[in-house]
Amino acid sequence: MMNIDLSPQVALVTGASRGIGSATAKALAKAGAHVIVNYRANGGLAQEVVQSILSSGSSAEALQFDISDEAAVGSSIADIMARHGRLDILVNNAGISKDALFLRVKPEMLNDMIDVNIKGSFFCTFHAARYMIKQKSGRIVTVSSIVGMGGNAGQTVYATTKAGLIGMTKSFSKELGPRGVRVNAVAPGFVETDMTEGIDRGAIIKEIPLRKTANPDDIAGVILFLCSDLSSYITGQVIVVDGGMHA
């Protein structure tokens, strides 16, 4: 059995105050990384994540910035480098969903999701990669969705942004691979988070061969794998984590 040891690495997880981001931050910290818990507005929840990590004997801090603000992203990542001298892992987790049939989509809904889901991940990768290239090492994992691969009625814009992240991941991997930086994505299926509250779970479970929905830890485990040396020869890939729903 191989152990994952990420010490003394530094990891930045965006949107880490809850859900998949929170679970990922805790998993990376448990493996030895110093984790920067990014949040935009949920400072209280972010501090709860940090305290949970600290109380378990691991290392973390909270850092507020809006990933859709390119200047804020640049200054925040520069601050991380100034204080820690390295950035080894970036998890592009932050994202939003505003569901509507496409004929009812308002321009502001389209703009909001593109700003956060597409531009946000691009800005974070752009600024993190500049330092990773100098280090000649780094791992970037972006959270996409199976909706970005197969589409879904009522989620046209969300699916478009998540599909865009897959294209970005594959392109980034080709540019950054020769510089020692691996770039991959995970595509979760139905995960029990705040974003999926109110959805008919019973109907969905019938479509999942494993007959259960995922919890954030199920996704965090795959992200941890992609951030570790166990996946040292994997880049440019999209790992589907959906219980076999789209096998």
C-alpha atoms as a PDB file:
ATOM      1  CA  MET A   1       0.000   0.000   0.000  1.00  0.00           C
ATOM      2  CA  MET A   2       1.471   3.290  -1.089  1.00  0.00           C
ATOM      3  CA  ASN A   3       1.012   6.288   1.161  1.00  0.00           C
ATOM      4  CA  ILE A   4       0.382   9.759  -0.220  1.00  0.00           C
ATOM      5  CA  ASP A   5       2.737  12.299   1.342  1.00  0.00           C
ATOM      6  CA  LEU A   6       2.315  15.874   0.140  1.00  0.00           C
ATOM      7  CA  SER A   7       4.538  17.562   2.728  1.00  0.00           C
ATOM      8  CA  PRO A   8       5.936  20.226   2.513  1.00  0.00           C
ATOM      9  CA  GLN A   9       3.830  21.229  -0.486  1.00  0.00           C
ATOM     10  CA  VAL A  10       1.464  24.189  -0.709  1.00  0.00           C
ATOM     11  CA  ALA A  11      -2.003  23.761  -2.198  1.00  0.00           C
ATOM     12  CA  LEU A  12      -4.651  26.306  -3.179  1.00  0.00           C
ATOM     13  CA  VAL A  13      -8.254  25.102  -3.362  1.00  0.00           C
ATOM     14  CA  THR A  14     -10.797  27.580  -4.713  1.00  0.00           C
ATOM     15  CA  GLY A  15     -14.338  27.630  -3.381  1.00  0.00           C
ATOM     16  CA  ALA A  16     -13.190  25.538  -0.424  1.00  0.00           C
ATOM     17  CA  SER A  17     -15.650  26.711   2.225  1.00  0.00           C
ATOM     18  CA  ARG A  18     -18.092  23.873   1.549  1.00  0.00           C
ATOM     19  CA  GLY A  19     -18.925  20.823  -0.548  1.00  0.00           C
ATOM     20  CA  ILE A  20     -16.273  19.277  -2.781  1.00  0.00           C
ATOM     21  CA  GLY A  21     -13.874  22.135  -2.078  1.00  0.00           C
ATOM     22  CA  SER A  22     -14.042  21.652   1.677  1.00  0.00           C
ATOM     23  CA  ALA A  23     -13.581  17.873   1.399  1.00  0.00           C
ATOM     24  CA  THR A  24     -10.645  18.358  -0.973  1.00  0.00           C
ATOM     25  CA  ALA A  25      -8.940  20.873   1.301  1.00  0.00           C
ATOM     26  CA  LYS A  26      -9.203  18.445   4.218  1.00  0.00           C
ATOM     27  CA  ALA A  27      -7.927  15.505   2.143  1.00  0.00           C
ATOM     28  CA  LEU A  28      -4.891  17.416   0.871  1.00  0.00           C
ATOM     29  CA  ALA A  29      -4.121  18.691   4.371  1.00  0.00           C
ATOM     30  CA  LYS A  30      -4.396  15.200   5.863  1.00  0.00           C
ATOM     31  CA  ALA A  31      -1.824  14.073   3.288  1.00  0.00           C
ATOM     32  CA  GLY A  32       0.590  16.725   4.551  1.00  0.00           C
ATOM     33  CA  ALA A  33       0.055  19.757   2.326  1.00  0.00           C
ATOM     34  CA  HIS A  34      -0.370  23.275   3.675  1.00  0.00           C
ATOM     35  CA  VAL A  35      -3.766  24.169   2.253  1.00  0.00           C
ATOM     36  CA  ILE A  36      -5.002  27.627   1.368  1.00  0.00           C
ATOM     37  CA  VAL A  37      -8.787  27.614   1.704  1.00  0.00           C
ATOM     38  CA  ASN A  38     -10.099  30.153  -0.783  1.00  0.00           C
ATOM     39  CA  TYR A  39     -13.539  31.683  -0.422  1.00  0.00           C
ATOM     40  CA  ARG A  40     -15.421  34.595  -1.930  1.00  0.00           C
ATOM     41  CA  ALA A  41     -18.118  35.378   0.642  1.00  0.00           C
ATOM     42  CA  ASN A  42     -18.452  32.533   3.159  1.00  0.00           C
ATOM     43  CA  GLY A  43     -15.705  33.587   5.553  1.00  0.00           C
ATOM     44  CA  GLY A  44     -17.284  31.877   8.527  1.00  0.00           C
ATOM     45  CA  LEU A  45     -17.542  28.541   6.743  1.00  0.00           C
ATOM     46  CA  ALA A  46     -13.990  28.869   5.408  1.00  0.00           C
ATOM     47  CA  GLN A  47     -12.692  29.418   8.936  1.00  0.00           C
ATOM     48  CA  GLU A  48     -14.587  26.333  10.074  1.00  0.00           C
ATOM     49  CA  VAL A  49     -12.763  24.302   7.418  1.00  0.00           C
ATOM     50  CA  VAL A  50      -9.428  25.750   8.524  1.00  0.00           C
ATOM     51  CA  GLN A  51     -10.150  25.026  12.182  1.00  0.00           C
ATOM     52  CA  SER A  52     -11.156  21.469  11.352  1.00  0.00           C
ATOM     53  CA  ILE A  53      -7.837  20.976   9.556  1.00  0.00           C
ATOM     54  CA  LEU A  54      -5.816  22.584  12.346  1.00  0.00           C
ATOM     55  CA  SER A  55      -7.571  20.564  15.037  1.00  0.00           C
ATOM     56  CA  SER A  56      -6.576  17.365  13.239  1.00  0.00           C
ATOM     57  CA  GLY A  57      -2.931  18.391  13.384  1.00  0.00           C
ATOM     58  CA  SER A  58      -2.612  19.537   9.784  1.00  0.00           C
ATOM     59  CA  SER A  59      -1.879  22.973   8.287  1.00  0.00           C
ATOM     60  CA  ALA A  60      -4.208  25.456   6.594  1.00  0.00           C
ATOM     61  CA  GLU A  61      -5.221  29.091   6.252  1.00  0.00           C
ATOM     62  CA  ALA A  62      -8.162  30.953   4.724  1.00  0.00           C
ATOM     63  CA  LEU A  63      -7.720  33.441   1.888  1.00  0.00           C
ATOM     64  CA  GLN A  64     -10.503  35.608   0.487  1.00  0.00           C
ATOM     65  CA  PHE A  65     -10.576  36.600  -3.176  1.00  0.00           C
ATOM     66  CA  ASP A  66     -13.039  36.498  -6.061  1.00  0.00           C
ATOM     67  CA  ILE A  67     -11.713  34.187  -8.779  1.00  0.00           C
ATOM     68  CA  SER A  68     -13.597  36.151 -11.451  1.00  0.00           C
ATOM     69  CA  ASP A  69     -11.495  39.233 -10.593  1.00  0.00           C
ATOM     70  CA  GLU A  70      -8.235  38.740 -12.498  1.00  0.00           C
ATOM     71  CA  ALA A  71      -6.330  41.397 -10.573  1.00  0.00           C
ATOM     72  CA  ALA A  72      -7.406  39.885  -7.244  1.00  0.00           C
ATOM     73  CA  VAL A  73      -6.355  36.432  -8.395  1.00  0.00           C
ATOM     74  CA  GLY A  74      -2.946  37.696  -9.492  1.00  0.00           C
ATOM     75  CA  SER A  75      -2.243  39.589  -6.285  1.00  0.00           C
ATOM     76  CA  SER A  76      -3.495  36.727  -4.090  1.00  0.00           C
ATOM     77  CA  ILE A  77      -1.308  34.110  -5.753  1.00  0.00           C
ATOM     78  CA  ALA A  78       1.653  36.509  -5.648  1.00  0.00           C
ATOM     79  CA  ASP A  79       0.973  36.879  -1.921  1.00  0.00           C
ATOM     80  CA  ILE A  80       1.000  33.094  -1.483  1.00  0.00           C
ATOM     81  CA  MET A  81       4.357  32.907  -3.231  1.00  0.00           C
ATOM     82  CA  ALA A  82       5.781  35.770  -1.171  1.00  0.00           C
ATOM     83  CA  ARG A  83       4.769  34.128   2.116  1.00  0.00           C
ATOM     84  CA  HIS A  84       5.379  30.466   1.307  1.00  0.00           C
ATOM     85  CA  GLY A  85       7.884  30.540  -1.547  1.00  0.00           C
ATOM     86  CA  ARG A  86       6.079  27.846  -3.519  1.00  0.00           C
ATOM     87  CA  LEU A  87       2.749  26.717  -4.959  1.00  0.00           C
ATOM     88  CA  ASP A  88       2.601  23.049  -5.854  1.00  0.00           C
ATOM     89  CA  ILE A  89      -1.098  22.318  -6.261  1.00  0.00           C
ATOM     90  CA  LEU A  90      -4.070  24.256  -7.629  1.00  0.00           C
ATOM     91  CA  VAL A  91      -7.581  22.831  -7.450  1.00  0.00           C
ATOM     92  CA  ASN A  92     -10.033  24.846  -9.538  1.00  0.00           C
ATOM     93  CA  ASN A  93     -13.180  23.913  -7.672  1.00  0.00           C
ATOM     94  CA  ALA A  94     -15.180  27.145  -7.343  1.00  0.00           C
ATOM     95  CA  GLY A  95     -18.196  27.269  -9.613  1.00  0.00           C
ATOM     96  CA  ILE A  96     -21.832  28.314  -9.791  1.00  0.00           C
ATOM     97  CA  SER A  97     -24.956  26.939 -11.418  1.00  0.00           C
ATOM     98  CA  LYS A  98     -28.064  28.865 -12.417  1.00  0.00           C
ATOM     99  CA  ASP A  99     -30.404  26.412 -14.078  1.00  0.00           C
ATOM    100  CA  ALA A 100     -33.004  27.351 -16.666  1.00  0.00           C
ATOM    101  CA  LEU A 101     -34.322  26.081 -19.979  1.00  0.00           C
ATOM    102  CA  PHE A 102     -32.170  27.783 -22.584  1.00  0.00           C
ATOM    103  CA  LEU A 103     -35.027  29.837 -24.023  1.00  0.00           C
ATOM    104  CA  ARG A 104     -35.421  31.393 -20.586  1.00  0.00           C
ATOM    105  CA  VAL A 105     -31.746  32.119 -19.946  1.00  0.00           C
ATOM    106  CA  LYS A 106     -31.107  35.781 -19.165  1.00  0.00           C
ATOM    107  CA  PRO A 107     -27.899  37.450 -20.381  1.00  0.00           C
ATOM    108  CA  GLU A 108     -26.785  38.096 -16.799  1.00  0.00           C
ATOM    109  CA  MET A 109     -27.072  34.368 -16.001  1.00  0.00           C
ATOM    110  CA  LEU A 110     -24.841  33.577 -18.951  1.00  0.00           C
ATOM    111  CA  ASN A 111     -22.329  36.240 -17.971  1.00  0.00           C
ATOM    112  CA  ASP A 112     -22.212  35.185 -14.314  1.00  0.00           C
ATOM    113  CA  MET A 113     -21.510  31.537 -15.072  1.00  0.00           C
ATOM    114  CA  ILE A 114     -18.893  32.334 -17.697  1.00  0.00           C
ATOM    115  CA  ASP A 115     -17.199  34.809 -15.335  1.00  0.00           C
ATOM    116  CA  VAL A 116     -16.902  32.315 -12.483  1.00  0.00           C
ATOM    117  CA  ASN A 117     -16.743  28.890 -14.125  1.00  0.00           C
ATOM    118  CA  ILE A 118     -14.634  29.718 -17.181  1.00  0.00           C
ATOM    119  CA  LYS A 119     -12.779  32.958 -16.528  1.00  0.00           C
ATOM    120  CA  GLY A 120     -12.199  32.164 -12.863  1.00  0.00           C
ATOM    121  CA  SER A 121     -10.511  28.844 -13.577  1.00  0.00           C
ATOM    122  CA  PHE A 122      -8.537  30.413 -16.433  1.00  0.00           C
ATOM    123  CA  PHE A 123      -7.280  33.291 -14.264  1.00  0.00           C
ATOM    124  CA  CYS A 124      -6.244  30.974 -11.424  1.00  0.00           C
ATOM    125  CA  THR A 125      -4.449  28.596 -13.772  1.00  0.00           C
ATOM    126  CA  PHE A 126      -2.761  31.454 -15.619  1.00  0.00           C
ATOM    127  CA  HIS A 127      -1.277  32.978 -12.483  1.00  0.00           C
ATOM    128  CA  ALA A 128      -0.457  29.690 -10.729  1.00  0.00           C
ATOM    129  CA  ALA A 129       1.169  28.194 -13.822  1.00  0.00           C
ATOM    130  CA  ARG A 130       3.617  31.088 -14.137  1.00  0.00           C
ATOM    131  CA  TYR A 131       5.167  30.088 -10.816  1.00  0.00           C
ATOM    132  CA  MET A 132       4.866  26.357 -11.408  1.00  0.00           C
ATOM    133  CA  ILE A 133       6.800  26.720 -14.646  1.00  0.00           C
ATOM    134  CA  LYS A 134       9.639  28.366 -12.741  1.00  0.00           C
ATOM    135  CA  GLN A 135       9.546  25.510 -10.213  1.00  0.00           C
ATOM    136  CA  LYS A 136       9.447  23.003 -13.094  1.00  0.00           C
ATOM    137  CA  SER A 137       6.720  21.159 -11.203  1.00  0.00           C
ATOM    138  CA  GLY A 138       3.074  21.464 -10.281  1.00  0.00           C
ATOM    139  CA  ARG A 139      -0.321  19.840 -10.444  1.00  0.00           C
ATOM    140  CA  ILE A 140      -3.565  21.481 -11.497  1.00  0.00           C
ATOM    141  CA  VAL A 141      -6.922  19.756 -11.125  1.00  0.00           C
ATOM    142  CA  THR A 142     -10.151  21.339 -12.332  1.00  0.00           C
ATOM    143  CA  VAL A 143     -13.626  20.242 -11.293  1.00  0.00           C
ATOM    144  CA  SER A 144     -15.799  19.854 -14.387  1.00  0.00           C
ATOM    145  CA  SER A 145     -18.984  17.745 -14.515  1.00  0.00           C
ATOM    146  CA  ILE A 146     -20.515  14.871 -16.433  1.00  0.00           C
ATOM    147  CA  VAL A 147     -23.014  17.502 -17.584  1.00  0.00           C
ATOM    148  CA  GLY A 148     -20.129  19.063 -19.506  1.00  0.00           C
ATOM    149  CA  MET A 149     -19.672  15.781 -21.352  1.00  0.00           C
ATOM    150  CA  GLY A 150     -23.252  14.753 -22.040  1.00  0.00           C
ATOM    151  CA  GLY A 151     -25.346  17.884 -21.580  1.00  0.00           C
ATOM    152  CA  ASN A 152     -28.576  18.161 -19.604  1.00  0.00           C
ATOM    153  CA  ALA A 153     -31.935  19.798 -20.207  1.00  0.00           C
ATOM    154  CA  GLY A 154     -32.236  22.972 -18.177  1.00  0.00           C
ATOM    155  CA  GLN A 155     -28.492  23.281 -17.738  1.00  0.00           C
ATOM    156  CA  THR A 156     -27.311  24.482 -21.132  1.00  0.00           C
ATOM    157  CA  VAL A 157     -25.130  27.302 -19.836  1.00  0.00           C
ATOM    158  CA  TYR A 158     -23.726  25.246 -16.952  1.00  0.00           C
ATOM    159  CA  ALA A 159     -22.953  22.400 -19.353  1.00  0.00           C
ATOM    160  CA  THR A 160     -21.293  24.826 -21.754  1.00  0.00           C
ATOM    161  CA  THR A 161     -18.993  26.181 -19.062  1.00  0.00           C
ATOM    162  CA  LYS A 162     -18.125  22.718 -17.744  1.00  0.00           C
ATOM    163  CA  ALA A 163     -17.397  21.502 -21.278  1.00  0.00           C
ATOM    164  CA  GLY A 164     -15.178  24.546 -21.713  1.00  0.00           C
ATOM    165  CA  LEU A 165     -13.176  23.514 -18.658  1.00  0.00           C
ATOM    166  CA  ILE A 166     -12.466  20.166 -20.305  1.00  0.00           C
ATOM    167  CA  GLY A 167     -11.135  21.897 -23.414  1.00  0.00           C
ATOM    168  CA  MET A 168      -9.037  24.193 -21.256  1.00  0.00           C
ATOM    169  CA  THR A 169      -7.647  21.252 -19.278  1.00  0.00           C
ATOM    170  CA  LYS A 170      -6.554  19.380 -22.382  1.00  0.00           C
ATOM    171  CA  SER A 171      -4.989  22.490 -23.926  1.00  0.00           C
ATOM    172  CA  PHE A 172      -3.231  23.512 -20.717  1.00  0.00           C
ATOM    173  CA  SER A 173      -1.816  20.011 -20.361  1.00  0.00           C
ATOM    174  CA  LYS A 174      -0.195  20.170 -23.791  1.00  0.00           C
ATOM    175  CA  GLU A 175       1.417  23.530 -23.074  1.00  0.00           C
ATOM    176  CA  LEU A 176       2.460  22.852 -19.488  1.00  0.00           C
ATOM    177  CA  GLY A 177       3.451  19.191 -19.711  1.00  0.00           C
ATOM    178  CA  PRO A 178       6.910  19.943 -21.141  1.00  0.00           C
ATOM    179  CA  ARG A 179       7.432  22.337 -18.196  1.00  0.00           C
ATOM    180  CA  GLY A 180       6.786  19.643 -15.584  1.00  0.00           C
ATOM    181  CA  VAL A 181       3.220  20.667 -14.763  1.00  0.00           C
ATOM    182  CA  ARG A 182       0.406  18.110 -14.932  1.00  0.00           C
ATOM    183  CA  VAL A 183      -3.154  19.268 -15.636  1.00  0.00           C
ATOM    184  CA  ASN A 184      -6.220  17.057 -15.235  1.00  0.00           C
ATOM    185  CA  ALA A 185      -9.946  17.331 -14.555  1.00  0.00           C
ATOM    186  CA  VAL A 186     -12.565  15.377 -12.653  1.00  0.00           C
ATOM    187  CA  ALA A 187     -16.132  15.086 -13.886  1.00  0.00           C
ATOM    188  CA  PRO A 188     -18.423  14.264 -10.945  1.00  0.00           C
ATOM    189  CA  GLY A 189     -21.878  12.833 -11.362  1.00  0.00           C
ATOM    190  CA  PHE A 190     -24.568  13.518  -8.771  1.00  0.00           C
ATOM    191  CA  VAL A 191     -22.913  14.690  -5.551  1.00  0.00           C
ATOM    192  CA  GLU A 192     -24.719  15.477  -2.298  1.00  0.00           C
ATOM    193  CA  THR A 193     -23.917  19.193  -1.889  1.00  0.00           C
ATOM    194  CA  ASP A 194     -25.755  22.483  -1.407  1.00  0.00           C
ATOM    195  CA  MET A 195     -25.984  22.798  -5.193  1.00  0.00           C
ATOM    196  CA  THR A 196     -28.025  19.593  -5.513  1.00  0.00           C
ATOM    197  CA  GLU A 197     -30.512  20.177  -2.707  1.00  0.00           C
ATOM    198  CA  GLY A 198     -34.139  19.780  -3.745  1.00  0.00           C
ATOM    199  CA  ILE A 199     -33.430  17.364  -6.600  1.00  0.00           C
ATOM    200  CA  ASP A 200     -35.316  14.049  -6.717  1.00  0.00           C
ATOM    201  CA  ARG A 201     -32.580  11.679  -5.517  1.00  0.00           C
ATOM    202  CA  GLY A 202     -34.748   8.583  -5.868  1.00  0.00           C
ATOM    203  CA  ALA A 203     -35.157   8.994  -9.612  1.00  0.00           C
ATOM    204  CA  ILE A 204     -31.445   9.642 -10.081  1.00  0.00           C
ATOM    205  CA  ILE A 205     -30.293   6.669  -7.989  1.00  0.00           C
ATOM    206  CA  LYS A 206     -32.266   4.342 -10.265  1.00  0.00           C
ATOM    207  CA  GLU A 207     -30.003   5.470 -13.124  1.00  0.00           C
ATOM    208  CA  ILE A 208     -26.759   4.864 -11.192  1.00  0.00           C
ATOM    209  CA  PRO A 209     -25.372   1.298 -11.354  1.00  0.00           C
ATOM    210  CA  LEU A 210     -23.847   1.621  -7.859  1.00  0.00           C
ATOM    211  CA  ARG A 211     -27.327   2.608  -6.612  1.00  0.00           C
ATOM    212  CA  LYS A 212     -26.086   5.511  -4.527  1.00  0.00           C
ATOM    213  CA  THR A 213     -25.143   9.143  -4.948  1.00  0.00           C
ATOM    214  CA  ALA A 214     -21.655  10.472  -4.265  1.00  0.00           C
ATOM    215  CA  ASN A 215     -20.580  12.512  -1.290  1.00  0.00           C
ATOM    216  CA  PRO A 216     -17.863  15.189  -1.510  1.00  0.00           C
ATOM    217  CA  ASP A 217     -15.238  12.808  -0.086  1.00  0.00           C
ATOM    218  CA  ASP A 218     -15.727  10.489  -3.066  1.00  0.00           C
ATOM    219  CA  ILE A 219     -14.631  13.282  -5.381  1.00  0.00           C
ATOM    220  CA  ALA A 220     -11.903  14.574  -3.056  1.00  0.00           C
ATOM    221  CA  GLY A 221     -10.238  11.158  -3.070  1.00  0.00           C
ATOM    222  CA  VAL A 222      -9.829  11.228  -6.837  1.00  0.00           C
ATOM    223  CA  ILE A 223      -8.512  14.799  -6.720  1.00  0.00           C
ATOM    224  CA  LEU A 224      -5.992  13.743  -4.057  1.00  0.00           C
ATOM    225  CA  PHE A 225      -4.845  10.924  -6.335  1.00  0.00           C
ATOM    226  CA  LEU A 226      -4.358  13.351  -9.233  1.00  0.00           C
ATOM    227  CA  CYS A 227      -2.354  15.672  -6.960  1.00  0.00           C
ATOM    228  CA  SER A 228      -0.043  12.864  -5.839  1.00  0.00           C
ATOM    229  CA  ASP A 229       2.870  10.987  -7.355  1.00  0.00           C
ATOM    230  CA  LEU A 230       0.589   7.976  -7.788  1.00  0.00           C
ATOM    231  CA  SER A 231      -0.667   9.726 -10.941  1.00  0.00           C
ATOM    232  CA  SER A 232       2.751  10.932 -12.097  1.00  0.00           C
ATOM    233  CA  TYR A 233       2.178   9.781 -15.702  1.00  0.00           C
ATOM    234  CA  ILE A 234      -1.356  11.136 -16.052  1.00  0.00           C
ATOM    235  CA  THR A 235      -2.048  14.516 -17.648  1.00  0.00           C
ATOM    236  CA  GLY A 236      -4.688  15.976 -19.949  1.00  0.00           C
ATOM    237  CA  GLN A 237      -7.303  13.512 -18.705  1.00  0.00           C
ATOM    238  CA  VAL A 238     -10.869  13.793 -17.447  1.00  0.00           C
ATOM    239  CA  ILE A 239     -11.652  11.288 -14.703  1.00  0.00           C
ATOM    240  CA  VAL A 240     -15.375  10.557 -14.524  1.00  0.00           C
ATOM    241  CA  VAL A 241     -16.640   9.914 -10.978  1.00  0.00           C
ATOM    242  CA  ASP A 242     -20.329   9.097 -11.403  1.00  0.00           C
ATOM    243  CA  GLY A 243     -20.974   5.607 -10.030  1.00  0.00           C
ATOM    244  CA  GLY A 244     -21.151   4.183 -13.550  1.00  0.00           C
ATOM    245  CA  MET A 245     -24.057   6.359 -14.638  1.00  0.00           C
ATOM    246  CA  HIS A 246     -22.483   7.185 -17.978  1.00  0.00           C
ATOM    247  CA  ALA A 247     -20.304   4.121 -18.517  1.00  0.00           C
END
